[in-house]
Amino acid sequence: MTLLSDRVLADCLLEVPGGALDLSRHIAVMAIVNRTPDSFYDRGATFALDAAVAAGIAAVEAGAEIVDVGGVKFAPGPPVPVEEEIARVVPVVRELAPITRVSVDTFHPEVAAAAIEAGAAIINDTTGLHDPAMADVVAAGGAGVVIAHSLAAPRTQHPLPHYDDVIGDVAAFLSARRERALARGVPAERIVLDPGHDLNKNTRQTLELTRRLEELAVLGSPLLVALSNKDFVGETLDRERGDRLSGSLAAAVYCALHGARVVRAHNVRETVDALRMVEAILGWRAPAYELHNTRPEGND
């Protein structure tokens, strides 16, 4: 099976502190740890420091290669002071950085700087370098960066989003913000692009974005998809927040086959298994072991 993504992502290497990831024939899982009291999925289950650290360790044991720590949810809400956000994320980074690559989900350059100093390998900016100073901080700190597509100012509503061509508009945005990062000194091998599933997009727009994801694989950087348990899955299948795993896995598999090389997920073990199966089917990895019909006496 030959995919466009096989050709354009040959020699795809993500160089970040904590170890490079060869993504040319591999899909990495980024686990989500929300150190917030009001996250949309876990409703504060990992807000306590010990719970957040334990969740990160469990994610690594389940196969995650990156743990994404967030101190402020994406959705609109009252502002969280920068000092409070730093106090939430930095202790988790310090605990997890010795065992895995830690990403920090923030749009504040000050938070990014503190996180990188504490050991963060990646900054996940869901506002797509809305503040150009973020690129300066990432470049100076030697970290990687995830540049996500979103239209609204940070933590504000963008009602009734409209796109003349959702994939074309997203591609133009990501290309421009990638150039911003490069111009400010972030090396190409440290940049990841995220089309922003559900971020200022309705369900039909997000489904089209997913369907045409391969068209973004030509932009020159690995693609990350963050679609775990999101509303487009719930609205498509008529499933509540806690019942979207099957739909999330189906979307992750589709995206992996069409160019995604990092999948951000809540349900780490299930997502890892799904993506390792994809890799095996594509011939990118060998089975963990082989016994079935390998002995003369048979074992059916």
C-alpha atoms as a PDB file:
ATOM      1  CA  MET A   1       0.000   0.000   0.000  1.00  0.00           C
ATOM      2  CA  THR A   2       1.575   3.280  -1.124  1.00  0.00           C
ATOM      3  CA  LEU A   3       0.359   6.492   0.433  1.00  0.00           C
ATOM      4  CA  LEU A   4       1.236  10.074  -0.406  1.00  0.00           C
ATOM      5  CA  SER A   5       2.458  10.425   3.164  1.00  0.00           C
ATOM      6  CA  ASP A   6       5.045   7.664   2.575  1.00  0.00           C
ATOM      7  CA  ARG A   7       6.681   9.743  -0.130  1.00  0.00           C
ATOM      8  CA  VAL A   8       6.610  13.190   1.432  1.00  0.00           C
ATOM      9  CA  LEU A   9       7.588  12.030   4.925  1.00  0.00           C
ATOM     10  CA  ALA A  10      10.651   9.999   4.018  1.00  0.00           C
ATOM     11  CA  ASP A  11      13.484  10.807   6.451  1.00  0.00           C
ATOM     12  CA  CYS A  12      11.034  12.602   8.765  1.00  0.00           C
ATOM     13  CA  LEU A  13      12.949  13.279  11.957  1.00  0.00           C
ATOM     14  CA  LEU A  14      11.715  15.316  14.919  1.00  0.00           C
ATOM     15  CA  GLU A  15      14.780  16.604  16.806  1.00  0.00           C
ATOM     16  CA  VAL A  16      13.863  17.595  20.362  1.00  0.00           C
ATOM     17  CA  PRO A  17      15.547  17.414  23.765  1.00  0.00           C
ATOM     18  CA  GLY A  18      15.046  14.013  25.317  1.00  0.00           C
ATOM     19  CA  GLY A  19      15.664  12.147  22.096  1.00  0.00           C
ATOM     20  CA  ALA A  20      14.907  12.421  18.396  1.00  0.00           C
ATOM     21  CA  LEU A  21      11.841  10.678  16.980  1.00  0.00           C
ATOM     22  CA  ASP A  22      12.122   9.074  13.551  1.00  0.00           C
ATOM     23  CA  LEU A  23       8.599   9.502  12.182  1.00  0.00           C
ATOM     24  CA  SER A  24       9.210   8.371   8.629  1.00  0.00           C
ATOM     25  CA  ARG A  25       7.681   4.936   9.350  1.00  0.00           C
ATOM     26  CA  HIS A  26       6.334   5.450  12.850  1.00  0.00           C
ATOM     27  CA  ILE A  27       3.378   7.172  14.522  1.00  0.00           C
ATOM     28  CA  ALA A  28       4.070   8.507  18.015  1.00  0.00           C
ATOM     29  CA  VAL A  29       1.430   8.919  20.705  1.00  0.00           C
ATOM     30  CA  MET A  30       1.329  12.126  22.755  1.00  0.00           C
ATOM     31  CA  ALA A  31      -0.486  11.582  26.041  1.00  0.00           C
ATOM     32  CA  ILE A  32      -2.632  14.312  27.595  1.00  0.00           C
ATOM     33  CA  VAL A  33      -2.202  15.354  31.215  1.00  0.00           C
ATOM     34  CA  ASN A  34      -4.416  18.286  32.171  1.00  0.00           C
ATOM     35  CA  ARG A  35      -3.377  20.024  35.363  1.00  0.00           C
ATOM     36  CA  THR A  36      -6.564  22.043  35.330  1.00  0.00           C
ATOM     37  CA  PRO A  37      -9.679  21.865  37.497  1.00  0.00           C
ATOM     38  CA  ASP A  38     -12.006  22.297  34.504  1.00  0.00           C
ATOM     39  CA  SER A  39     -10.690  20.262  31.556  1.00  0.00           C
ATOM     40  CA  PHE A  40     -13.422  19.154  29.159  1.00  0.00           C
ATOM     41  CA  TYR A  41     -12.604  15.431  29.370  1.00  0.00           C
ATOM     42  CA  ASP A  42     -11.400  14.488  32.842  1.00  0.00           C
ATOM     43  CA  ARG A  43     -13.025  17.336  34.804  1.00  0.00           C
ATOM     44  CA  GLY A  44      -9.981  17.899  37.014  1.00  0.00           C
ATOM     45  CA  ALA A  45      -9.021  14.279  37.712  1.00  0.00           C
ATOM     46  CA  THR A  46      -5.317  15.107  37.283  1.00  0.00           C
ATOM     47  CA  PHE A  47      -5.343  18.600  38.786  1.00  0.00           C
ATOM     48  CA  ALA A  48      -3.454  17.528  41.921  1.00  0.00           C
ATOM     49  CA  LEU A  49       0.305  17.358  41.399  1.00  0.00           C
ATOM     50  CA  ASP A  50       0.677  13.732  42.451  1.00  0.00           C
ATOM     51  CA  ALA A  51      -2.224  12.712  40.201  1.00  0.00           C
ATOM     52  CA  ALA A  52      -0.735  14.578  37.230  1.00  0.00           C
ATOM     53  CA  VAL A  53       2.682  12.996  37.701  1.00  0.00           C
ATOM     54  CA  ALA A  54       1.172   9.540  38.167  1.00  0.00           C
ATOM     55  CA  ALA A  55      -0.871   9.972  34.984  1.00  0.00           C
ATOM     56  CA  GLY A  56       2.246  10.939  33.063  1.00  0.00           C
ATOM     57  CA  ILE A  57       4.189   7.930  34.334  1.00  0.00           C
ATOM     58  CA  ALA A  58       1.282   5.612  33.513  1.00  0.00           C
ATOM     59  CA  ALA A  59       1.092   7.072  29.998  1.00  0.00           C
ATOM     60  CA  VAL A  60       4.784   6.365  29.391  1.00  0.00           C
ATOM     61  CA  GLU A  61       4.338   2.812  30.646  1.00  0.00           C
ATOM     62  CA  ALA A  62       1.404   2.443  28.225  1.00  0.00           C
ATOM     63  CA  GLY A  63       3.577   3.469  25.278  1.00  0.00           C
ATOM     64  CA  ALA A  64       3.335   7.255  25.002  1.00  0.00           C
ATOM     65  CA  GLU A  65       6.527   8.843  23.685  1.00  0.00           C
ATOM     66  CA  ILE A  66       5.507  12.407  24.543  1.00  0.00           C
ATOM     67  CA  VAL A  67       3.450  13.643  27.505  1.00  0.00           C
ATOM     68  CA  ASP A  68       1.620  16.931  26.934  1.00  0.00           C
ATOM     69  CA  VAL A  69       1.017  18.898  30.123  1.00  0.00           C
ATOM     70  CA  GLY A  70      -1.520  21.716  30.169  1.00  0.00           C
ATOM     71  CA  GLY A  71      -2.271  24.226  32.894  1.00  0.00           C
ATOM     72  CA  VAL A  72      -5.108  26.107  31.156  1.00  0.00           C
ATOM     73  CA  LYS A  73      -7.883  24.639  29.025  1.00  0.00           C
ATOM     74  CA  PHE A  74      -8.332  25.839  25.433  1.00  0.00           C
ATOM     75  CA  ALA A  75     -12.010  26.713  25.811  1.00  0.00           C
ATOM     76  CA  PRO A  76     -13.094  30.256  26.708  1.00  0.00           C
ATOM     77  CA  GLY A  77     -13.113  31.132  30.373  1.00  0.00           C
ATOM     78  CA  PRO A  78     -11.725  33.510  32.960  1.00  0.00           C
ATOM     79  CA  PRO A  79      -8.016  34.284  32.549  1.00  0.00           C
ATOM     80  CA  VAL A  80      -5.508  32.281  34.532  1.00  0.00           C
ATOM     81  CA  PRO A  81      -2.563  34.407  35.703  1.00  0.00           C
ATOM     82  CA  VAL A  82       0.733  33.481  34.088  1.00  0.00           C
ATOM     83  CA  GLU A  83       2.249  32.848  37.519  1.00  0.00           C
ATOM     84  CA  GLU A  84      -0.513  30.363  38.322  1.00  0.00           C
ATOM     85  CA  GLU A  85      -0.085  28.564  35.000  1.00  0.00           C
ATOM     86  CA  ILE A  86       3.657  28.272  35.649  1.00  0.00           C
ATOM     87  CA  ALA A  87       2.970  26.932  39.140  1.00  0.00           C
ATOM     88  CA  ARG A  88       0.699  24.262  37.659  1.00  0.00           C
ATOM     89  CA  VAL A  89       2.914  22.980  34.847  1.00  0.00           C
ATOM     90  CA  VAL A  90       6.535  23.423  35.940  1.00  0.00           C
ATOM     91  CA  PRO A  91       6.474  20.910  38.854  1.00  0.00           C
ATOM     92  CA  VAL A  92       5.004  18.268  36.529  1.00  0.00           C
ATOM     93  CA  VAL A  93       7.653  18.984  33.902  1.00  0.00           C
ATOM     94  CA  ARG A  94      10.430  18.606  36.479  1.00  0.00           C
ATOM     95  CA  GLU A  95       9.108  15.207  37.560  1.00  0.00           C
ATOM     96  CA  LEU A  96       8.483  13.804  34.074  1.00  0.00           C
ATOM     97  CA  ALA A  97      11.354  15.251  32.020  1.00  0.00           C
ATOM     98  CA  PRO A  98      13.885  12.671  33.278  1.00  0.00           C
ATOM     99  CA  ILE A  99      11.756   9.807  31.920  1.00  0.00           C
ATOM    100  CA  THR A 100      10.143  11.121  28.719  1.00  0.00           C
ATOM    101  CA  ARG A 101       9.786  14.003  26.299  1.00  0.00           C
ATOM    102  CA  VAL A 102       7.483  16.527  27.920  1.00  0.00           C
ATOM    103  CA  SER A 103       5.380  18.947  25.911  1.00  0.00           C
ATOM    104  CA  VAL A 104       3.684  21.943  27.505  1.00  0.00           C
ATOM    105  CA  ASP A 105       0.393  23.223  26.111  1.00  0.00           C
ATOM    106  CA  THR A 106       0.546  27.013  26.433  1.00  0.00           C
ATOM    107  CA  PHE A 107       0.250  30.207  24.419  1.00  0.00           C
ATOM    108  CA  HIS A 108       2.199  32.362  26.888  1.00  0.00           C
ATOM    109  CA  PRO A 109       5.906  32.872  26.085  1.00  0.00           C
ATOM    110  CA  GLU A 110       6.633  33.340  29.797  1.00  0.00           C
ATOM    111  CA  VAL A 111       5.161  29.942  30.616  1.00  0.00           C
ATOM    112  CA  ALA A 112       7.042  28.374  27.721  1.00  0.00           C
ATOM    113  CA  ALA A 113      10.339  29.829  28.935  1.00  0.00           C
ATOM    114  CA  ALA A 114       9.805  28.512  32.468  1.00  0.00           C
ATOM    115  CA  ALA A 115       8.764  25.099  31.159  1.00  0.00           C
ATOM    116  CA  ILE A 116      11.797  24.788  28.871  1.00  0.00           C
ATOM    117  CA  GLU A 117      14.094  25.749  31.733  1.00  0.00           C
ATOM    118  CA  ALA A 118      12.455  22.979  33.800  1.00  0.00           C
ATOM    119  CA  GLY A 119      13.107  20.426  31.053  1.00  0.00           C
ATOM    120  CA  ALA A 120      10.234  20.645  28.552  1.00  0.00           C
ATOM    121  CA  ALA A 121      11.186  19.354  25.115  1.00  0.00           C
ATOM    122  CA  ILE A 122       8.253  20.773  23.144  1.00  0.00           C
ATOM    123  CA  ILE A 123       5.896  23.727  23.372  1.00  0.00           C
ATOM    124  CA  ASN A 124       2.402  22.999  22.072  1.00  0.00           C
ATOM    125  CA  ASP A 125       0.920  26.347  21.025  1.00  0.00           C
ATOM    126  CA  THR A 126      -2.759  25.900  20.156  1.00  0.00           C
ATOM    127  CA  THR A 127      -2.868  29.526  18.977  1.00  0.00           C
ATOM    128  CA  GLY A 128      -0.315  28.859  16.243  1.00  0.00           C
ATOM    129  CA  LEU A 129       2.322  31.377  17.371  1.00  0.00           C
ATOM    130  CA  HIS A 130      -0.344  34.051  17.784  1.00  0.00           C
ATOM    131  CA  ASP A 131       2.353  35.850  19.803  1.00  0.00           C
ATOM    132  CA  PRO A 132       5.541  35.891  17.675  1.00  0.00           C
ATOM    133  CA  ALA A 133       7.610  36.065  20.869  1.00  0.00           C
ATOM    134  CA  MET A 134       6.728  32.409  21.409  1.00  0.00           C
ATOM    135  CA  ALA A 135       8.933  31.481  18.446  1.00  0.00           C
ATOM    136  CA  ASP A 136      11.799  33.470  19.967  1.00  0.00           C
ATOM    137  CA  VAL A 137      11.469  31.602  23.274  1.00  0.00           C
ATOM    138  CA  VAL A 138      11.342  28.213  21.551  1.00  0.00           C
ATOM    139  CA  ALA A 139      14.356  29.012  19.380  1.00  0.00           C
ATOM    140  CA  ALA A 140      16.414  30.300  22.311  1.00  0.00           C
ATOM    141  CA  GLY A 141      15.516  27.306  24.473  1.00  0.00           C
ATOM    142  CA  GLY A 142      16.296  24.666  21.862  1.00  0.00           C
ATOM    143  CA  ALA A 143      12.833  23.124  22.143  1.00  0.00           C
ATOM    144  CA  GLY A 144      10.464  21.849  19.503  1.00  0.00           C
ATOM    145  CA  VAL A 145       7.130  23.491  18.771  1.00  0.00           C
ATOM    146  CA  VAL A 146       3.680  22.330  17.725  1.00  0.00           C
ATOM    147  CA  ILE A 147       1.955  25.014  15.651  1.00  0.00           C
ATOM    148  CA  ALA A 148      -1.816  24.537  15.669  1.00  0.00           C
ATOM    149  CA  HIS A 149      -4.414  26.193  13.477  1.00  0.00           C
ATOM    150  CA  SER A 150      -7.007  28.282  15.294  1.00  0.00           C
ATOM    151  CA  LEU A 151      -8.628  31.572  14.311  1.00  0.00           C
ATOM    152  CA  ALA A 152      -9.830  33.202  17.514  1.00  0.00           C
ATOM    153  CA  ALA A 153      -7.757  35.161  19.975  1.00  0.00           C
ATOM    154  CA  PRO A 154      -6.656  32.895  22.841  1.00  0.00           C
ATOM    155  CA  ARG A 155      -9.538  31.592  24.995  1.00  0.00           C
ATOM    156  CA  THR A 156     -12.239  33.493  23.114  1.00  0.00           C
ATOM    157  CA  GLN A 157     -15.220  32.306  21.087  1.00  0.00           C
ATOM    158  CA  HIS A 158     -15.239  32.274  17.297  1.00  0.00           C
ATOM    159  CA  PRO A 159     -18.939  31.806  16.540  1.00  0.00           C
ATOM    160  CA  LEU A 160     -20.095  30.391  13.214  1.00  0.00           C
ATOM    161  CA  PRO A 161     -16.626  29.845  11.702  1.00  0.00           C
ATOM    162  CA  HIS A 162     -16.559  30.141   7.918  1.00  0.00           C
ATOM    163  CA  TYR A 163     -13.975  28.872   5.438  1.00  0.00           C
ATOM    164  CA  ASP A 164     -14.056  29.284   1.683  1.00  0.00           C
ATOM    165  CA  ASP A 165     -11.987  26.088   1.570  1.00  0.00           C
ATOM    166  CA  VAL A 166     -11.179  24.668   4.978  1.00  0.00           C
ATOM    167  CA  ILE A 167      -8.133  22.660   3.902  1.00  0.00           C
ATOM    168  CA  GLY A 168      -6.778  25.511   1.782  1.00  0.00           C
ATOM    169  CA  ASP A 169      -7.274  28.053   4.550  1.00  0.00           C
ATOM    170  CA  VAL A 170      -5.676  25.796   7.159  1.00  0.00           C
ATOM    171  CA  ALA A 171      -2.744  25.035   4.857  1.00  0.00           C
ATOM    172  CA  ALA A 172      -2.136  28.734   4.195  1.00  0.00           C
ATOM    173  CA  PHE A 173      -2.235  29.530   7.924  1.00  0.00           C
ATOM    174  CA  LEU A 174       0.112  26.711   8.893  1.00  0.00           C
ATOM    175  CA  SER A 175       2.541  27.556   6.091  1.00  0.00           C
ATOM    176  CA  ALA A 176       2.680  31.193   7.176  1.00  0.00           C
ATOM    177  CA  ARG A 177       3.174  30.340  10.852  1.00  0.00           C
ATOM    178  CA  ARG A 178       5.817  27.750   9.971  1.00  0.00           C
ATOM    179  CA  GLU A 179       7.684  30.464   8.073  1.00  0.00           C
ATOM    180  CA  ARG A 180       7.358  32.716  11.127  1.00  0.00           C
ATOM    181  CA  ALA A 181       9.019  30.056  13.265  1.00  0.00           C
ATOM    182  CA  LEU A 182      11.802  29.470  10.749  1.00  0.00           C
ATOM    183  CA  ALA A 183      12.450  33.204  10.375  1.00  0.00           C
ATOM    184  CA  ARG A 184      12.855  33.529  14.134  1.00  0.00           C
ATOM    185  CA  GLY A 185      15.371  30.735  14.382  1.00  0.00           C
ATOM    186  CA  VAL A 186      13.414  27.542  15.035  1.00  0.00           C
ATOM    187  CA  PRO A 187      15.032  24.780  12.949  1.00  0.00           C
ATOM    188  CA  ALA A 188      12.758  22.938  10.524  1.00  0.00           C
ATOM    189  CA  GLU A 189      13.423  19.611  12.263  1.00  0.00           C
ATOM    190  CA  ARG A 190      11.860  20.948  15.480  1.00  0.00           C
ATOM    191  CA  ILE A 191       8.517  22.012  13.964  1.00  0.00           C
ATOM    192  CA  VAL A 192       5.272  20.004  14.050  1.00  0.00           C
ATOM    193  CA  LEU A 193       2.004  21.193  12.484  1.00  0.00           C
ATOM    194  CA  ASP A 194      -1.488  20.589  13.884  1.00  0.00           C
ATOM    195  CA  PRO A 195      -4.541  21.309  11.692  1.00  0.00           C
ATOM    196  CA  GLY A 196      -6.612  21.949  14.821  1.00  0.00           C
ATOM    197  CA  HIS A 197      -9.502  19.501  14.846  1.00  0.00           C
ATOM    198  CA  ASP A 198     -12.561  21.289  16.273  1.00  0.00           C
ATOM    199  CA  LEU A 199     -10.556  24.450  17.052  1.00  0.00           C
ATOM    200  CA  ASN A 200     -12.818  27.200  15.669  1.00  0.00           C
ATOM    201  CA  LYS A 201     -14.353  24.644  13.315  1.00  0.00           C
ATOM    202  CA  ASN A 202     -17.733  22.950  13.277  1.00  0.00           C
ATOM    203  CA  THR A 203     -18.193  19.214  12.863  1.00  0.00           C
ATOM    204  CA  ARG A 204     -18.624  19.235   9.079  1.00  0.00           C
ATOM    205  CA  GLN A 205     -15.516  21.391   8.694  1.00  0.00           C
ATOM    206  CA  THR A 206     -13.520  19.089  10.950  1.00  0.00           C
ATOM    207  CA  LEU A 207     -14.698  16.009   9.053  1.00  0.00           C
ATOM    208  CA  GLU A 208     -13.623  17.580   5.768  1.00  0.00           C
ATOM    209  CA  LEU A 209     -10.288  18.532   7.299  1.00  0.00           C
ATOM    210  CA  THR A 210      -9.818  14.925   8.374  1.00  0.00           C
ATOM    211  CA  ARG A 211     -10.910  13.528   5.016  1.00  0.00           C
ATOM    212  CA  ARG A 212      -8.393  15.734   3.161  1.00  0.00           C
ATOM    213  CA  LEU A 213      -5.599  15.543   5.732  1.00  0.00           C
ATOM    214  CA  GLU A 214      -3.160  14.161   3.180  1.00  0.00           C
ATOM    215  CA  GLU A 215      -3.160  17.555   1.450  1.00  0.00           C
ATOM    216  CA  LEU A 216      -1.349  18.987   4.491  1.00  0.00           C
ATOM    217  CA  ALA A 217       1.418  16.375   4.376  1.00  0.00           C
ATOM    218  CA  VAL A 218       3.230  18.434   1.735  1.00  0.00           C
ATOM    219  CA  LEU A 219       3.871  21.392   4.056  1.00  0.00           C
ATOM    220  CA  GLY A 220       7.287  20.141   5.131  1.00  0.00           C
ATOM    221  CA  SER A 221       6.736  19.234   8.795  1.00  0.00           C
ATOM    222  CA  PRO A 222       5.269  16.221  10.606  1.00  0.00           C
ATOM    223  CA  LEU A 223       1.545  16.415  11.263  1.00  0.00           C
ATOM    224  CA  LEU A 224       0.019  16.060  14.716  1.00  0.00           C
ATOM    225  CA  VAL A 225      -3.672  15.362  15.149  1.00  0.00           C
ATOM    226  CA  ALA A 226      -5.501  16.136  18.383  1.00  0.00           C
ATOM    227  CA  LEU A 227      -8.908  14.539  17.959  1.00  0.00           C
ATOM    228  CA  SER A 228      -9.331  12.411  21.071  1.00  0.00           C
ATOM    229  CA  ASN A 229     -12.924  12.437  22.410  1.00  0.00           C
ATOM    230  CA  LYS A 230     -13.692  15.725  20.678  1.00  0.00           C
ATOM    231  CA  ASP A 231     -17.116  17.080  19.840  1.00  0.00           C
ATOM    232  CA  PHE A 232     -16.920  16.202  16.142  1.00  0.00           C
ATOM    233  CA  VAL A 233     -16.701  12.543  17.194  1.00  0.00           C
ATOM    234  CA  GLY A 234     -19.603  12.927  19.605  1.00  0.00           C
ATOM    235  CA  GLU A 235     -21.802  14.796  17.131  1.00  0.00           C
ATOM    236  CA  THR A 236     -21.015  12.390  14.292  1.00  0.00           C
ATOM    237  CA  LEU A 237     -21.877   9.295  16.334  1.00  0.00           C
ATOM    238  CA  ASP A 238     -24.327  10.788  18.863  1.00  0.00           C
ATOM    239  CA  ARG A 239     -22.067   9.854  21.748  1.00  0.00           C
ATOM    240  CA  GLU A 240     -21.459  11.663  25.029  1.00  0.00           C
ATOM    241  CA  ARG A 241     -17.995  12.681  26.195  1.00  0.00           C
ATOM    242  CA  GLY A 242     -17.229   9.408  27.989  1.00  0.00           C
ATOM    243  CA  ASP A 243     -18.325   7.186  25.103  1.00  0.00           C
ATOM    244  CA  ARG A 244     -16.191   8.394  22.194  1.00  0.00           C
ATOM    245  CA  LEU A 245     -13.224   6.033  22.309  1.00  0.00           C
ATOM    246  CA  SER A 246     -14.213   3.901  19.308  1.00  0.00           C
ATOM    247  CA  GLY A 247     -14.844   6.948  17.151  1.00  0.00           C
ATOM    248  CA  SER A 248     -11.598   8.549  18.303  1.00  0.00           C
ATOM    249  CA  LEU A 249      -9.614   5.427  17.411  1.00  0.00           C
ATOM    250  CA  ALA A 250     -11.227   5.215  13.980  1.00  0.00           C
ATOM    251  CA  ALA A 251     -10.317   8.843  13.314  1.00  0.00           C
ATOM    252  CA  ALA A 252      -6.765   8.284  14.573  1.00  0.00           C
ATOM    253  CA  VAL A 253      -6.269   5.287  12.284  1.00  0.00           C
ATOM    254  CA  TYR A 254      -7.611   7.217   9.299  1.00  0.00           C
ATOM    255  CA  CYS A 255      -5.297  10.131  10.044  1.00  0.00           C
ATOM    256  CA  ALA A 256      -2.296   7.820  10.467  1.00  0.00           C
ATOM    257  CA  LEU A 257      -2.964   6.373   7.023  1.00  0.00           C
ATOM    258  CA  HIS A 258      -3.163   9.844   5.526  1.00  0.00           C
ATOM    259  CA  GLY A 259      -0.119  11.579   6.902  1.00  0.00           C
ATOM    260  CA  ALA A 260      -0.384  12.072  10.682  1.00  0.00           C
ATOM    261  CA  ARG A 261       2.791  11.143  12.538  1.00  0.00           C
ATOM    262  CA  VAL A 262       1.848  12.198  16.092  1.00  0.00           C
ATOM    263  CA  VAL A 263      -1.541  11.445  17.674  1.00  0.00           C
ATOM    264  CA  ARG A 264      -2.512  13.297  20.855  1.00  0.00           C
ATOM    265  CA  ALA A 265      -4.754  11.101  22.988  1.00  0.00           C
ATOM    266  CA  HIS A 266      -6.437  10.640  26.354  1.00  0.00           C
ATOM    267  CA  ASN A 267      -6.751   6.837  26.058  1.00  0.00           C
ATOM    268  CA  VAL A 268      -3.092   6.006  25.617  1.00  0.00           C
ATOM    269  CA  ARG A 269      -2.953   2.221  25.667  1.00  0.00           C
ATOM    270  CA  GLU A 270      -5.834   1.802  23.225  1.00  0.00           C
ATOM    271  CA  THR A 271      -4.397   4.421  20.876  1.00  0.00           C
ATOM    272  CA  VAL A 272      -0.914   2.899  21.004  1.00  0.00           C
ATOM    273  CA  ASP A 273      -2.330  -0.538  20.169  1.00  0.00           C
ATOM    274  CA  ALA A 274      -4.344   0.824  17.248  1.00  0.00           C
ATOM    275  CA  LEU A 275      -1.363   2.648  15.762  1.00  0.00           C
ATOM    276  CA  ARG A 276       1.083  -0.219  16.279  1.00  0.00           C
ATOM    277  CA  MET A 277      -1.390  -2.416  14.390  1.00  0.00           C
ATOM    278  CA  VAL A 278      -1.445   0.133  11.555  1.00  0.00           C
ATOM    279  CA  GLU A 279       2.350   0.101  11.465  1.00  0.00           C
ATOM    280  CA  ALA A 280       2.421  -3.705  11.316  1.00  0.00           C
ATOM    281  CA  ILE A 281      -0.166  -3.848   8.522  1.00  0.00           C
ATOM    282  CA  LEU A 282       1.875  -1.321   6.530  1.00  0.00           C
ATOM    283  CA  GLY A 283       5.015  -3.402   7.065  1.00  0.00           C
ATOM    284  CA  TRP A 284       6.682  -0.748   9.217  1.00  0.00           C
ATOM    285  CA  ARG A 285       7.139  -3.016  12.252  1.00  0.00           C
ATOM    286  CA  ALA A 286       7.344  -6.727  12.993  1.00  0.00           C
ATOM    287  CA  PRO A 287       4.836  -8.540  15.216  1.00  0.00           C
ATOM    288  CA  ALA A 288       5.740  -8.672  18.906  1.00  0.00           C
ATOM    289  CA  TYR A 289       5.962 -12.467  18.550  1.00  0.00           C
ATOM    290  CA  GLU A 290       4.919 -15.189  16.099  1.00  0.00           C
ATOM    291  CA  LEU A 291       3.417 -18.531  17.163  1.00  0.00           C
ATOM    292  CA  HIS A 292       0.252 -18.994  15.105  1.00  0.00           C
ATOM    293  CA  ASN A 293       0.756 -21.713  12.440  1.00  0.00           C
ATOM    294  CA  THR A 294       4.515 -21.693  12.928  1.00  0.00           C
ATOM    295  CA  ARG A 295       4.865 -25.240  14.349  1.00  0.00           C
ATOM    296  CA  PRO A 296       4.377 -28.579  12.586  1.00  0.00           C
ATOM    297  CA  GLU A 297       1.734 -29.745  15.038  1.00  0.00           C
ATOM    298  CA  GLY A 298      -0.345 -26.635  14.436  1.00  0.00           C
ATOM    299  CA  ASN A 299      -1.899 -24.359  17.020  1.00  0.00           C
ATOM    300  CA  ASP A 300      -5.237 -23.195  15.640  1.00  0.00           C
END
